[in-house]
Amino acid sequence: MGKIFNEFKEFAVKGNMIDIAVGVIIGTAFNQVVDAIVKQVFLPPLSLLTDGVNMSDRKIVLREAVLSEGAVSAEEIAIGYGQFLEATVDFLVISIVVFVVVRFMNRLKGRAQDASDTTVVTPKDIELLNRVTQLLEEQNELLKKKGE
């Protein structure tokens, strides 16, 4: 039991648990934003193209509900393709937004890792590696000159 607790403590201290928690929280908030964008921005024009029909209510009825003496004796059986269309639009919007965000972040990361780019602060570890590389190149030049 002590070994498991120590492993968990190491996991939590390294920041992995915090990173996961932050990711879940941001993911939940992001889901609400995308849901609003899809339902309030993308679906209304699509609904306008289909004469104002709410896409989530679209379905193909395989069997109508059967009424007997005012009560439903057999439920309607239908394929609800409208919800599938909404889920597909959600997926496409999420995919596009995530792609754009990741692409933007990769550009910023690439600029930050370029020690010669002075417009962005370069992380200390990248600066150190860049300096070590420069020193090795200088050392190689000196060794070449000495060998000639």
N, C-alpha and C. Protein backbone atom coordinates (compact mmCIF):
# COMPACT_ATOMS: atom_id res chain seq x y z
N MET A 1 0.83 -1.19 0.00
CA MET A 1 0.00 0.00 0.00
C MET A 1 0.87 1.26 0.00
N GLY A 2 1.98 1.21 0.73
CA GLY A 2 2.88 2.35 0.79
C GLY A 2 3.51 2.66 -0.56
N LYS A 3 3.83 1.59 -1.31
CA LYS A 3 4.45 1.78 -2.62
C LYS A 3 3.48 2.47 -3.58
N ILE A 4 2.22 2.07 -3.55
CA ILE A 4 1.21 2.67 -4.42
C ILE A 4 1.03 4.14 -4.04
N PHE A 5 0.98 4.42 -2.72
CA PHE A 5 0.82 5.80 -2.26
C PHE A 5 2.00 6.66 -2.72
N ASN A 6 3.21 6.12 -2.62
CA ASN A 6 4.40 6.86 -3.05
C ASN A 6 4.37 7.13 -4.55
N GLU A 7 3.93 6.13 -5.34
CA GLU A 7 3.82 6.32 -6.79
C GLU A 7 2.79 7.40 -7.11
N PHE A 8 1.65 7.36 -6.38
CA PHE A 8 0.62 8.37 -6.61
C PHE A 8 1.13 9.76 -6.24
N LYS A 9 1.83 9.85 -5.10
CA LYS A 9 2.38 11.13 -4.65
C LYS A 9 3.37 11.67 -5.70
N GLU A 10 4.21 10.79 -6.24
CA GLU A 10 5.17 11.21 -7.28
C GLU A 10 4.43 11.68 -8.53
N PHE A 11 3.38 10.96 -8.90
CA PHE A 11 2.55 11.33 -10.05
C PHE A 11 1.93 12.71 -9.85
N ALA A 12 1.38 12.94 -8.66
CA ALA A 12 0.71 14.21 -8.37
C ALA A 12 1.71 15.35 -8.27
N VAL A 13 2.87 15.11 -7.68
CA VAL A 13 3.87 16.15 -7.50
C VAL A 13 4.47 16.58 -8.83
N LYS A 14 4.64 15.66 -9.75
CA LYS A 14 5.24 16.00 -11.04
C LYS A 14 4.33 16.90 -11.87
N GLY A 15 3.09 17.07 -11.46
CA GLY A 15 2.20 17.97 -12.17
C GLY A 15 1.28 17.28 -13.16
N ASN A 16 1.44 15.97 -13.35
CA ASN A 16 0.58 15.28 -14.31
C ASN A 16 -0.88 15.38 -13.93
N MET A 17 -1.18 15.22 -12.65
CA MET A 17 -2.56 15.25 -12.20
C MET A 17 -3.14 16.65 -12.40
N ILE A 18 -2.36 17.67 -12.14
CA ILE A 18 -2.82 19.04 -12.33
C ILE A 18 -3.06 19.30 -13.82
N ASP A 19 -2.15 18.84 -14.68
CA ASP A 19 -2.32 19.01 -16.13
C ASP A 19 -3.60 18.33 -16.60
N ILE A 20 -3.87 17.14 -16.11
CA ILE A 20 -5.08 16.41 -16.50
C ILE A 20 -6.31 17.17 -16.03
N ALA A 21 -6.31 17.65 -14.79
CA ALA A 21 -7.45 18.38 -14.25
C ALA A 21 -7.71 19.66 -15.05
N VAL A 22 -6.65 20.39 -15.36
CA VAL A 22 -6.79 21.61 -16.16
C VAL A 22 -7.35 21.27 -17.54
N GLY A 23 -6.85 20.20 -18.13
CA GLY A 23 -7.34 19.78 -19.45
C GLY A 23 -8.82 19.43 -19.42
N VAL A 24 -9.26 18.73 -18.39
CA VAL A 24 -10.67 18.36 -18.28
C VAL A 24 -11.53 19.60 -18.10
N ILE A 25 -11.10 20.52 -17.25
CA ILE A 25 -11.88 21.74 -17.00
C ILE A 25 -11.98 22.59 -18.26
N ILE A 26 -10.85 22.79 -18.93
CA ILE A 26 -10.87 23.58 -20.16
C ILE A 26 -11.67 22.87 -21.24
N GLY A 27 -11.55 21.55 -21.31
CA GLY A 27 -12.32 20.78 -22.29
C GLY A 27 -13.81 20.91 -22.08
N THR A 28 -14.24 20.91 -20.82
CA THR A 28 -15.66 21.07 -20.52
C THR A 28 -16.15 22.45 -20.93
N ALA A 29 -15.39 23.47 -20.61
CA ALA A 29 -15.77 24.83 -20.99
C ALA A 29 -15.75 24.98 -22.50
N PHE A 30 -14.75 24.40 -23.15
CA PHE A 30 -14.63 24.47 -24.61
C PHE A 30 -15.82 23.79 -25.27
N ASN A 31 -16.27 22.68 -24.69
CA ASN A 31 -17.43 21.96 -25.22
C ASN A 31 -18.67 22.86 -25.20
N GLN A 32 -18.86 23.63 -24.15
CA GLN A 32 -20.01 24.53 -24.08
C GLN A 32 -19.91 25.63 -25.14
N VAL A 33 -18.72 26.14 -25.37
CA VAL A 33 -18.53 27.17 -26.38
C VAL A 33 -18.84 26.62 -27.77
N VAL A 34 -18.30 25.45 -28.07
CA VAL A 34 -18.53 24.85 -29.38
C VAL A 34 -20.01 24.50 -29.55
N ASP A 35 -20.64 24.01 -28.51
CA ASP A 35 -22.06 23.69 -28.57
C ASP A 35 -22.87 24.93 -28.91
N ALA A 36 -22.53 26.05 -28.28
CA ALA A 36 -23.24 27.31 -28.57
C ALA A 36 -22.98 27.76 -29.99
N ILE A 37 -21.73 27.64 -30.45
CA ILE A 37 -21.41 28.05 -31.83
C ILE A 37 -22.21 27.22 -32.83
N VAL A 38 -22.24 25.92 -32.61
CA VAL A 38 -22.96 25.05 -33.55
C VAL A 38 -24.45 25.34 -33.54
N LYS A 39 -25.03 25.39 -32.35
CA LYS A 39 -26.49 25.54 -32.25
C LYS A 39 -26.96 26.96 -32.57
N GLN A 40 -26.15 27.97 -32.27
CA GLN A 40 -26.59 29.35 -32.44
C GLN A 40 -26.06 30.02 -33.71
N VAL A 41 -24.98 29.47 -34.29
CA VAL A 41 -24.38 30.11 -35.46
C VAL A 41 -24.54 29.26 -36.72
N PHE A 42 -24.18 27.98 -36.64
CA PHE A 42 -24.16 27.15 -37.85
C PHE A 42 -25.51 26.52 -38.19
N LEU A 43 -26.25 26.08 -37.19
CA LEU A 43 -27.51 25.40 -37.48
C LEU A 43 -28.64 26.32 -37.94
N PRO A 44 -28.76 27.56 -37.46
CA PRO A 44 -29.84 28.42 -37.98
C PRO A 44 -29.80 28.63 -39.50
N PRO A 45 -28.63 28.93 -40.10
CA PRO A 45 -28.64 29.04 -41.57
C PRO A 45 -28.99 27.72 -42.25
N LEU A 46 -28.53 26.62 -41.69
CA LEU A 46 -28.87 25.31 -42.25
C LEU A 46 -30.37 25.07 -42.13
N SER A 47 -30.95 25.47 -41.02
CA SER A 47 -32.39 25.34 -40.82
C SER A 47 -33.15 26.25 -41.79
N LEU A 48 -32.60 27.43 -42.07
CA LEU A 48 -33.22 28.34 -43.04
C LEU A 48 -33.26 27.71 -44.43
N LEU A 49 -32.18 27.01 -44.78
CA LEU A 49 -32.14 26.33 -46.08
C LEU A 49 -33.16 25.21 -46.16
N THR A 50 -33.55 24.68 -45.02
CA THR A 50 -34.53 23.58 -45.01
C THR A 50 -35.89 24.07 -44.53
N ASP A 51 -36.24 25.32 -44.86
CA ASP A 51 -37.52 25.94 -44.51
C ASP A 51 -37.79 25.99 -43.02
N GLY A 52 -36.77 26.30 -42.22
CA GLY A 52 -36.96 26.51 -40.79
C GLY A 52 -37.18 25.24 -39.98
N VAL A 53 -36.92 24.10 -40.56
CA VAL A 53 -37.11 22.84 -39.85
C VAL A 53 -35.97 22.65 -38.85
N ASN A 54 -36.31 22.31 -37.62
CA ASN A 54 -35.30 22.03 -36.62
C ASN A 54 -34.65 20.70 -36.96
N MET A 55 -33.35 20.73 -37.24
CA MET A 55 -32.66 19.52 -37.70
C MET A 55 -32.67 18.40 -36.68
N SER A 56 -32.65 18.74 -35.39
CA SER A 56 -32.60 17.68 -34.38
C SER A 56 -33.89 16.87 -34.35
N ASP A 57 -34.98 17.44 -34.87
CA ASP A 57 -36.26 16.73 -34.87
C ASP A 57 -36.48 15.88 -36.12
N ARG A 58 -35.55 15.94 -37.07
CA ARG A 58 -35.72 15.21 -38.33
C ARG A 58 -35.59 13.72 -38.09
N LYS A 59 -36.49 12.97 -38.70
CA LYS A 59 -36.48 11.52 -38.54
C LYS A 59 -37.22 10.86 -39.68
N ILE A 60 -36.92 9.59 -39.85
CA ILE A 60 -37.65 8.75 -40.80
C ILE A 60 -38.49 7.79 -39.97
N VAL A 61 -39.80 7.92 -40.10
CA VAL A 61 -40.71 7.10 -39.30
C VAL A 61 -40.86 5.74 -39.99
N LEU A 62 -40.50 4.70 -39.26
CA LEU A 62 -40.65 3.34 -39.78
C LEU A 62 -42.04 2.79 -39.45
N ARG A 63 -42.54 3.16 -38.26
CA ARG A 63 -43.89 2.75 -37.88
C ARG A 63 -44.49 3.84 -37.01
N GLU A 64 -45.68 4.30 -37.39
CA GLU A 64 -46.37 5.32 -36.62
C GLU A 64 -46.82 4.74 -35.28
N ALA A 65 -47.00 5.61 -34.32
CA ALA A 65 -47.53 5.17 -33.03
C ALA A 65 -48.97 4.70 -33.22
N VAL A 66 -49.32 3.64 -32.52
CA VAL A 66 -50.67 3.08 -32.63
C VAL A 66 -51.46 3.51 -31.39
N LEU A 67 -52.61 4.17 -31.64
CA LEU A 67 -53.47 4.61 -30.56
C LEU A 67 -54.67 3.69 -30.47
N SER A 68 -55.01 3.30 -29.26
CA SER A 68 -56.24 2.54 -29.07
C SER A 68 -56.91 3.06 -27.81
N GLU A 69 -58.12 3.53 -27.96
CA GLU A 69 -58.92 4.09 -26.86
C GLU A 69 -58.20 5.25 -26.17
N GLY A 70 -57.54 6.11 -26.97
CA GLY A 70 -56.90 7.30 -26.45
C GLY A 70 -55.54 7.09 -25.82
N ALA A 71 -55.07 5.87 -25.76
CA ALA A 71 -53.77 5.58 -25.18
C ALA A 71 -52.86 4.99 -26.25
N VAL A 72 -51.58 5.19 -26.10
CA VAL A 72 -50.61 4.65 -27.05
C VAL A 72 -50.41 3.17 -26.73
N SER A 73 -50.77 2.32 -27.70
CA SER A 73 -50.57 0.88 -27.47
C SER A 73 -49.26 0.40 -28.08
N ALA A 74 -48.75 1.13 -29.08
CA ALA A 74 -47.46 0.79 -29.68
C ALA A 74 -46.73 2.10 -29.97
N GLU A 75 -45.51 2.21 -29.48
CA GLU A 75 -44.70 3.42 -29.66
C GLU A 75 -44.27 3.56 -31.11
N GLU A 76 -44.01 4.80 -31.49
CA GLU A 76 -43.48 5.09 -32.81
C GLU A 76 -42.05 4.55 -32.91
N ILE A 77 -41.71 4.01 -34.05
CA ILE A 77 -40.35 3.56 -34.32
C ILE A 77 -39.83 4.43 -35.45
N ALA A 78 -38.70 5.13 -35.17
CA ALA A 78 -38.18 6.08 -36.16
C ALA A 78 -36.66 6.12 -36.08
N ILE A 79 -36.07 6.46 -37.22
CA ILE A 79 -34.62 6.69 -37.30
C ILE A 79 -34.42 8.19 -37.19
N GLY A 80 -33.82 8.64 -36.10
CA GLY A 80 -33.61 10.07 -35.86
C GLY A 80 -32.31 10.55 -36.46
N TYR A 81 -32.29 10.82 -37.75
CA TYR A 81 -31.06 11.23 -38.42
C TYR A 81 -30.71 12.69 -38.14
N GLY A 82 -31.64 13.48 -37.67
CA GLY A 82 -31.37 14.88 -37.36
C GLY A 82 -30.35 15.04 -36.25
N GLN A 83 -30.48 14.24 -35.21
CA GLN A 83 -29.50 14.31 -34.12
C GLN A 83 -28.13 13.86 -34.61
N PHE A 84 -28.11 12.89 -35.52
CA PHE A 84 -26.84 12.46 -36.11
C PHE A 84 -26.21 13.61 -36.89
N LEU A 85 -27.01 14.35 -37.66
CA LEU A 85 -26.49 15.50 -38.41
C LEU A 85 -25.94 16.55 -37.46
N GLU A 86 -26.65 16.82 -36.37
CA GLU A 86 -26.16 17.79 -35.39
C GLU A 86 -24.84 17.34 -34.78
N ALA A 87 -24.75 16.06 -34.44
CA ALA A 87 -23.52 15.53 -33.86
C ALA A 87 -22.38 15.61 -34.86
N THR A 88 -22.67 15.38 -36.14
CA THR A 88 -21.65 15.46 -37.19
C THR A 88 -21.16 16.90 -37.35
N VAL A 89 -22.08 17.85 -37.34
CA VAL A 89 -21.69 19.27 -37.43
C VAL A 89 -20.86 19.65 -36.20
N ASP A 90 -21.29 19.20 -35.01
CA ASP A 90 -20.51 19.44 -33.79
C ASP A 90 -19.09 18.93 -33.96
N PHE A 91 -18.96 17.69 -34.43
CA PHE A 91 -17.66 17.07 -34.61
C PHE A 91 -16.80 17.87 -35.58
N LEU A 92 -17.38 18.27 -36.70
CA LEU A 92 -16.63 19.02 -37.71
C LEU A 92 -16.16 20.37 -37.16
N VAL A 93 -17.04 21.07 -36.45
CA VAL A 93 -16.65 22.37 -35.88
C VAL A 93 -15.56 22.18 -34.85
N ILE A 94 -15.71 21.20 -33.97
CA ILE A 94 -14.70 20.94 -32.95
C ILE A 94 -13.37 20.60 -33.62
N SER A 95 -13.41 19.75 -34.63
CA SER A 95 -12.18 19.36 -35.33
C SER A 95 -11.48 20.57 -35.95
N ILE A 96 -12.25 21.42 -36.59
CA ILE A 96 -11.67 22.60 -37.24
C ILE A 96 -11.09 23.55 -36.21
N VAL A 97 -11.83 23.81 -35.14
CA VAL A 97 -11.35 24.72 -34.10
C VAL A 97 -10.10 24.18 -33.43
N VAL A 98 -10.09 22.89 -33.09
CA VAL A 98 -8.91 22.29 -32.46
C VAL A 98 -7.72 22.36 -33.40
N PHE A 99 -7.94 22.08 -34.69
CA PHE A 99 -6.86 22.17 -35.68
C PHE A 99 -6.27 23.58 -35.72
N VAL A 100 -7.14 24.59 -35.76
CA VAL A 100 -6.67 25.97 -35.82
C VAL A 100 -5.89 26.34 -34.55
N VAL A 101 -6.40 25.94 -33.39
CA VAL A 101 -5.73 26.26 -32.13
C VAL A 101 -4.38 25.57 -32.05
N VAL A 102 -4.33 24.28 -32.40
CA VAL A 102 -3.06 23.53 -32.35
C VAL A 102 -2.07 24.11 -33.35
N ARG A 103 -2.53 24.48 -34.51
CA ARG A 103 -1.65 25.07 -35.52
C ARG A 103 -1.07 26.39 -35.01
N PHE A 104 -1.93 27.21 -34.41
CA PHE A 104 -1.47 28.48 -33.84
C PHE A 104 -0.46 28.24 -32.73
N MET A 105 -0.74 27.30 -31.84
CA MET A 105 0.17 27.01 -30.73
C MET A 105 1.50 26.46 -31.24
N ASN A 106 1.47 25.62 -32.28
CA ASN A 106 2.71 25.10 -32.85
C ASN A 106 3.55 26.21 -33.45
N ARG A 107 2.90 27.19 -34.07
CA ARG A 107 3.65 28.32 -34.62
C ARG A 107 4.32 29.11 -33.50
N LEU A 108 3.56 29.37 -32.43
CA LEU A 108 4.15 30.09 -31.30
C LEU A 108 5.28 29.29 -30.67
N LYS A 109 5.09 27.99 -30.55
CA LYS A 109 6.11 27.13 -29.95
C LYS A 109 7.36 27.14 -30.84
N GLY A 110 7.16 27.05 -32.14
CA GLY A 110 8.29 27.07 -33.06
C GLY A 110 9.06 28.37 -32.97
N ARG A 111 8.34 29.48 -32.86
CA ARG A 111 9.00 30.79 -32.73
C ARG A 111 9.73 30.88 -31.40
N ALA A 112 9.14 30.32 -30.35
CA ALA A 112 9.76 30.39 -29.02
C ALA A 112 11.03 29.54 -28.97
N GLN A 113 11.07 28.46 -29.75
CA GLN A 113 12.23 27.58 -29.73
C GLN A 113 13.34 28.06 -30.65
N ASP A 114 13.07 29.07 -31.45
CA ASP A 114 14.09 29.66 -32.32
C ASP A 114 14.82 30.74 -31.54
N ALA A 115 16.03 30.44 -31.13
CA ALA A 115 16.79 31.37 -30.29
C ALA A 115 17.12 32.66 -31.02
N SER A 116 17.13 32.64 -32.35
CA SER A 116 17.46 33.85 -33.09
C SER A 116 16.27 34.80 -33.22
N ASP A 117 15.06 34.33 -32.93
CA ASP A 117 13.86 35.16 -32.99
C ASP A 117 13.75 35.95 -31.69
N THR A 118 13.97 37.24 -31.75
CA THR A 118 13.96 38.06 -30.54
C THR A 118 12.58 38.60 -30.20
N THR A 119 11.58 38.36 -31.06
CA THR A 119 10.24 38.87 -30.79
C THR A 119 9.51 38.05 -29.74
N VAL A 120 9.96 36.83 -29.50
CA VAL A 120 9.32 35.94 -28.53
C VAL A 120 10.37 35.50 -27.52
N VAL A 121 9.97 35.40 -26.28
CA VAL A 121 10.88 34.96 -25.23
C VAL A 121 11.19 33.49 -25.43
N THR A 122 12.50 33.18 -25.52
CA THR A 122 12.94 31.80 -25.70
C THR A 122 13.08 31.14 -24.33
N PRO A 123 12.53 29.92 -24.15
CA PRO A 123 12.68 29.24 -22.87
C PRO A 123 14.15 29.02 -22.52
N LYS A 124 14.45 29.02 -21.23
CA LYS A 124 15.83 28.91 -20.74
C LYS A 124 16.50 27.63 -21.23
N ASP A 125 15.76 26.51 -21.27
CA ASP A 125 16.40 25.27 -21.71
C ASP A 125 16.79 25.33 -23.18
N ILE A 126 15.99 26.00 -24.00
CA ILE A 126 16.33 26.16 -25.42
C ILE A 126 17.54 27.08 -25.56
N GLU A 127 17.58 28.16 -24.77
CA GLU A 127 18.74 29.05 -24.81
C GLU A 127 20.01 28.29 -24.42
N LEU A 128 19.92 27.46 -23.39
CA LEU A 128 21.06 26.68 -22.93
C LEU A 128 21.52 25.71 -24.02
N LEU A 129 20.58 25.00 -24.62
CA LEU A 129 20.94 24.07 -25.70
C LEU A 129 21.55 24.81 -26.89
N ASN A 130 21.02 25.98 -27.20
CA ASN A 130 21.56 26.77 -28.30
C ASN A 130 23.00 27.19 -27.99
N ARG A 131 23.24 27.61 -26.75
CA ARG A 131 24.59 28.02 -26.35
C ARG A 131 25.56 26.84 -26.39
N VAL A 132 25.11 25.67 -25.92
CA VAL A 132 25.96 24.46 -25.97
C VAL A 132 26.29 24.12 -27.42
N THR A 133 25.31 24.22 -28.29
CA THR A 133 25.54 23.95 -29.71
C THR A 133 26.57 24.92 -30.29
N GLN A 134 26.45 26.19 -29.95
CA GLN A 134 27.41 27.18 -30.43
C GLN A 134 28.82 26.87 -29.92
N LEU A 135 28.94 26.51 -28.65
CA LEU A 135 30.24 26.18 -28.08
C LEU A 135 30.85 24.95 -28.75
N LEU A 136 30.03 23.94 -29.04
CA LEU A 136 30.52 22.74 -29.72
C LEU A 136 31.00 23.07 -31.14
N GLU A 137 30.24 23.94 -31.81
CA GLU A 137 30.65 24.34 -33.16
C GLU A 137 31.98 25.11 -33.12
N GLU A 138 32.12 25.99 -32.13
CA GLU A 138 33.37 26.72 -31.98
C GLU A 138 34.52 25.77 -31.68
N GLN A 139 34.26 24.80 -30.83
CA GLN A 139 35.29 23.81 -30.47
C GLN A 139 35.70 23.00 -31.70
N ASN A 140 34.74 22.60 -32.52
CA ASN A 140 35.04 21.85 -33.73
C ASN A 140 35.87 22.68 -34.70
N GLU A 141 35.55 23.96 -34.82
CA GLU A 141 36.33 24.85 -35.69
C GLU A 141 37.77 24.96 -35.21
N LEU A 142 37.94 25.10 -33.90
CA LEU A 142 39.30 25.19 -33.33
C LEU A 142 40.08 23.90 -33.57
N LEU A 143 39.41 22.75 -33.40
CA LEU A 143 40.08 21.47 -33.61
C LEU A 143 40.45 21.27 -35.09
N LYS A 144 39.60 21.75 -35.99
CA LYS A 144 39.92 21.66 -37.42
C LYS A 144 41.15 22.51 -37.76
N LYS A 145 41.20 23.74 -37.22
CA LYS A 145 42.32 24.62 -37.47
C LYS A 145 43.61 24.07 -36.88
N LYS A 146 43.50 23.46 -35.72
CA LYS A 146 44.66 22.89 -35.04
C LYS A 146 45.19 21.69 -35.81
N GLY A 147 44.29 20.92 -36.44
CA GLY A 147 44.70 19.73 -37.19
C GLY A 147 45.28 20.06 -38.55
N GLU A 148 45.10 21.24 -39.05
CA GLU A 148 45.62 21.61 -40.37
C GLU A 148 47.03 22.02 -40.37
